[in-house]
Amino acid sequence: MDFGKMVGDSFAYAKDAVIGKWMQWLLLVIATIILCIPLLGYTLKVFRGEKPAPEVTDWGTLFIDGIKYAIVALIWAIPMLIIFFITIGAGFFALASDPASAMGAIGGMLFGFIVFVIVAILTGLFATIGIIRFARTGSMGEAFNFGAILETIGKIGWGSYIIALIVLIIVQIIFSIIIGILSMIPFLGIIIEIILIAPLSIFEARYLCQVYDAAGAA
């Protein structure tokens, strides 16, 4: 995979979705303000490989798809939530109830945090492909088709897939720093942050779409 080309394509895709299309950008901002649910629905359209960037239309479908997306993401997050509440949550409870056992509680929480991070990484690897499968097939069940997910990752190549995600994380960090700096501007900061959420989401979705398509999957 040509990661530089993928980043450039995704940036151009996101730019074309909003620059010069101020009404569409306004609609995407509204989609963001409404708990991001319609924005999630719009993201699924990007995952389906629509090019150029789709118009913001049919709000009913955007809401329904966004809710389905949120449900799928929540189900994938269940293992992490369980680990968090069992280990880290239990550690805080033990620390609060018996301060004398602070070292043991902190050790338990540290171990729980390490397990949490490992599970989060593994879940993210599978969930990313699963969500795109859901977008492509329209079936929520396909978001958890582990056999098909493994097959897709295998076609992409585990090394290429992991590197592609690392590249995306680096770009996300850069964007986050920029947005963080802009958000410190009095009064305008929060507005700028909200305005930029949609283009960043479109960028990420387009990038992941290209990663998925590297497998030659439908």
Protein backbone atom coordinates (compact mmCIF):
# COMPACT_ATOMS: atom_id res chain seq x y z
CA MET A 1 0.00 0.00 0.00
CA ASP A 2 1.13 3.54 -0.79
CA PHE A 3 0.35 5.19 2.55
CA GLY A 4 1.33 8.66 1.40
CA LYS A 5 -1.01 8.41 -1.57
CA MET A 6 -3.80 7.12 0.66
CA VAL A 7 -3.38 10.03 3.08
CA GLY A 8 -3.35 12.49 0.18
CA ASP A 9 -6.44 10.94 -1.39
CA SER A 10 -8.29 11.01 1.92
CA PHE A 11 -7.36 14.64 2.54
CA ALA A 12 -8.52 15.63 -0.97
CA TYR A 13 -11.74 13.64 -0.47
CA ALA A 14 -12.51 15.38 2.83
CA LYS A 15 -11.61 18.79 1.38
CA ASP A 16 -13.88 18.27 -1.62
CA ALA A 17 -16.69 17.27 0.74
CA VAL A 18 -16.77 20.67 2.44
CA ILE A 19 -14.63 23.33 0.75
CA GLY A 20 -16.82 25.37 -1.56
CA LYS A 21 -19.85 23.43 -0.38
CA TRP A 22 -20.69 25.59 2.59
CA MET A 23 -24.30 24.41 2.89
CA GLN A 24 -23.15 20.79 3.01
CA TRP A 25 -20.54 21.70 5.63
CA LEU A 26 -23.25 23.41 7.67
CA LEU A 27 -25.40 20.27 7.42
CA LEU A 28 -22.46 18.17 8.58
CA VAL A 29 -21.97 20.53 11.54
CA ILE A 30 -25.65 20.06 12.41
CA ALA A 31 -25.14 16.28 12.06
CA THR A 32 -22.26 16.61 14.52
CA ILE A 33 -24.23 18.64 17.04
CA ILE A 34 -27.07 16.09 17.09
CA LEU A 35 -24.95 13.70 19.19
CA CYS A 36 -23.00 12.80 16.01
CA ILE A 37 -25.64 10.17 15.16
CA PRO A 38 -26.37 11.46 11.62
CA LEU A 39 -22.61 11.96 11.13
CA LEU A 40 -22.07 8.28 11.90
CA GLY A 41 -24.71 7.45 9.30
CA TYR A 42 -22.93 9.66 6.79
CA THR A 43 -19.63 7.95 7.63
CA LEU A 44 -21.16 4.61 6.62
CA LYS A 45 -21.82 6.09 3.17
CA VAL A 46 -18.12 6.93 2.92
CA PHE A 47 -17.24 3.39 4.05
CA ARG A 48 -19.35 2.05 1.19
CA GLY A 49 -16.86 3.62 -1.17
CA GLU A 50 -19.05 6.41 -2.53
CA LYS A 51 -16.90 8.79 -4.54
CA PRO A 52 -16.91 11.75 -4.67
CA ALA A 53 -18.07 12.43 -1.14
CA PRO A 54 -21.83 11.86 -0.90
CA GLU A 55 -24.36 14.62 -0.37
CA VAL A 56 -25.95 15.07 3.05
CA THR A 57 -29.47 13.90 2.26
CA ASP A 58 -32.15 11.55 3.60
CA TRP A 59 -31.79 12.40 7.27
CA GLY A 60 -34.06 9.56 8.32
CA THR A 61 -31.65 7.02 6.84
CA LEU A 62 -28.67 8.87 8.32
CA PHE A 63 -30.25 8.64 11.79
CA ILE A 64 -31.12 4.96 11.46
CA ASP A 65 -27.71 4.03 10.06
CA GLY A 66 -26.02 6.15 12.73
CA ILE A 67 -27.88 4.34 15.50
CA LYS A 68 -26.94 0.97 13.97
CA TYR A 69 -23.32 2.10 13.77
CA ALA A 70 -23.39 3.15 17.43
CA ILE A 71 -24.90 -0.22 18.45
CA VAL A 72 -22.25 -2.15 16.53
CA ALA A 73 -19.47 -0.04 18.06
CA LEU A 74 -20.96 -0.50 21.55
CA ILE A 75 -21.08 -4.28 21.13
CA TRP A 76 -17.45 -4.32 20.04
CA ALA A 77 -16.60 -2.21 23.11
CA ILE A 78 -18.21 -4.66 25.57
CA PRO A 79 -14.99 -6.65 26.26
CA MET A 80 -13.14 -3.43 27.08
CA LEU A 81 -15.95 -2.20 29.31
CA ILE A 82 -16.02 -5.49 31.20
CA ILE A 83 -12.27 -5.41 31.78
CA PHE A 84 -12.42 -1.78 32.85
CA PHE A 85 -15.13 -2.30 35.45
CA ILE A 86 -13.78 -5.61 36.75
CA THR A 87 -10.12 -4.65 37.12
CA ILE A 88 -9.72 -0.89 37.20
CA GLY A 89 -13.11 -0.30 38.81
CA ALA A 90 -12.46 -2.98 41.44
CA GLY A 91 -9.07 -1.44 42.15
CA PHE A 92 -10.57 1.97 42.85
CA PHE A 93 -13.18 0.36 45.09
CA ALA A 94 -10.53 -1.54 47.04
CA LEU A 95 -8.42 1.61 47.38
CA ALA A 96 -11.39 3.56 48.70
CA SER A 97 -12.49 0.87 51.15
CA ASP A 98 -9.04 -0.03 52.46
CA PRO A 99 -6.35 2.67 52.00
CA ALA A 100 -3.82 0.35 53.70
CA SER A 101 -3.86 -1.92 50.66
CA ALA A 102 -2.97 0.95 48.34
CA MET A 103 0.04 -0.75 46.73
CA GLY A 104 -1.92 -3.89 45.96
CA ALA A 105 -4.82 -1.91 44.56
CA ILE A 106 -2.53 0.24 42.39
CA GLY A 107 -0.76 -2.87 41.14
CA GLY A 108 -4.08 -4.46 40.28
CA MET A 109 -5.21 -1.34 38.44
CA LEU A 110 -1.92 -1.19 36.50
CA PHE A 111 -2.29 -4.81 35.46
CA GLY A 112 -5.91 -4.15 34.51
CA PHE A 113 -4.88 -1.13 32.46
CA ILE A 114 -2.30 -3.19 30.54
CA VAL A 115 -4.89 -5.87 29.81
CA PHE A 116 -7.36 -3.15 28.83
CA VAL A 117 -4.90 -1.63 26.33
CA ILE A 118 -4.10 -5.03 24.79
CA VAL A 119 -7.77 -5.92 24.41
CA ALA A 120 -8.52 -2.43 23.04
CA ILE A 121 -5.85 -2.84 20.35
CA LEU A 122 -7.02 -6.31 19.35
CA THR A 123 -10.65 -5.21 19.36
CA GLY A 124 -9.81 -2.18 17.25
CA LEU A 125 -8.10 -4.34 14.63
CA PHE A 126 -11.19 -6.50 14.21
CA ALA A 127 -13.86 -3.85 14.80
CA THR A 128 -12.52 -1.54 12.08
CA ILE A 129 -12.94 -4.18 9.38
CA GLY A 130 -16.19 -5.38 10.95
CA ILE A 131 -17.80 -1.95 10.79
CA ILE A 132 -16.81 -1.51 7.15
CA ARG A 133 -18.25 -4.95 6.40
CA PHE A 134 -21.48 -3.78 7.99
CA ALA A 135 -21.44 -0.68 5.79
CA ARG A 136 -20.80 -2.70 2.63
CA THR A 137 -23.29 -5.50 3.28
CA GLY A 138 -25.99 -3.66 5.24
CA SER A 139 -26.00 -6.55 7.74
CA MET A 140 -25.14 -5.84 11.37
CA GLY A 141 -24.32 -9.51 11.78
CA GLU A 142 -21.51 -9.18 9.24
CA ALA A 143 -19.82 -6.72 11.59
CA PHE A 144 -19.06 -9.74 13.79
CA ASN A 145 -18.27 -12.31 11.09
CA PHE A 146 -14.85 -13.19 12.49
CA GLY A 147 -14.04 -15.62 9.70
CA ALA A 148 -14.66 -13.03 7.00
CA ILE A 149 -12.87 -10.35 9.02
CA LEU A 150 -9.79 -12.54 9.41
CA GLU A 151 -9.88 -13.37 5.71
CA THR A 152 -10.02 -9.67 4.79
CA ILE A 153 -7.13 -8.78 7.09
CA GLY A 154 -5.18 -11.71 5.68
CA LYS A 155 -5.67 -10.39 2.14
CA ILE A 156 -4.56 -6.92 3.21
CA GLY A 157 -1.61 -8.42 5.06
CA TRP A 158 -1.31 -8.14 8.83
CA GLY A 159 1.87 -6.08 8.59
CA SER A 160 0.44 -3.66 6.03
CA TYR A 161 -2.80 -3.40 7.98
CA ILE A 162 -1.11 -2.56 11.28
CA ILE A 163 1.24 -0.06 9.62
CA ALA A 164 -1.74 1.57 7.88
CA LEU A 165 -3.48 2.03 11.24
CA ILE A 166 -0.31 3.40 12.84
CA VAL A 167 -0.04 5.96 10.01
CA LEU A 168 -3.65 6.96 10.64
CA ILE A 169 -3.01 7.31 14.38
CA ILE A 170 -0.03 9.57 13.69
CA VAL A 171 -2.15 11.77 11.40
CA GLN A 172 -4.91 11.81 14.03
CA ILE A 173 -2.43 12.95 16.67
CA ILE A 174 -1.23 15.78 14.42
CA PHE A 175 -4.83 16.86 13.76
CA SER A 176 -5.64 16.58 17.46
CA ILE A 177 -2.72 18.87 18.35
CA ILE A 178 -3.83 21.43 15.77
CA ILE A 179 -7.45 21.27 16.92
CA GLY A 180 -6.31 21.44 20.54
CA ILE A 181 -4.37 24.62 19.86
CA LEU A 182 -7.29 26.16 17.97
CA SER A 183 -9.70 25.17 20.74
CA MET A 184 -7.79 27.42 23.15
CA ILE A 185 -8.93 30.50 21.25
CA PRO A 186 -11.47 32.24 23.53
CA PHE A 187 -15.09 31.84 22.42
CA LEU A 188 -14.17 30.69 18.90
CA GLY A 189 -12.23 27.62 20.05
CA ILE A 190 -15.19 25.32 20.69
CA ILE A 191 -16.89 26.47 17.48
CA ILE A 192 -13.79 25.70 15.41
CA GLU A 193 -13.51 22.31 17.09
CA ILE A 194 -17.11 21.40 16.23
CA ILE A 195 -16.69 22.63 12.66
CA LEU A 196 -13.62 20.43 12.11
CA ILE A 197 -15.04 17.19 13.53
CA ALA A 198 -16.91 16.28 10.35
CA PRO A 199 -14.00 16.81 7.88
CA LEU A 200 -11.71 14.80 10.16
CA SER A 201 -14.29 12.00 10.39
CA ILE A 202 -14.63 11.97 6.60
CA PHE A 203 -10.85 11.86 6.22
CA GLU A 204 -10.58 8.89 8.59
CA ALA A 205 -13.45 7.02 6.95
CA ARG A 206 -12.04 7.50 3.46
CA TYR A 207 -8.60 6.34 4.60
CA LEU A 208 -9.98 3.20 6.25
CA CYS A 209 -12.12 2.58 3.16
CA GLN A 210 -8.94 2.45 1.09
CA VAL A 211 -7.30 0.09 3.59
CA TYR A 212 -10.30 -2.23 3.33
CA ASP A 213 -10.32 -2.08 -0.47
CA ALA A 214 -6.66 -3.11 -0.50
CA ALA A 215 -7.96 -6.63 0.18
CA GLY A 216 -9.99 -6.53 -3.01
CA ALA A 217 -13.08 -7.12 -0.83
CA ALA A 218 -16.55 -6.24 -1.97
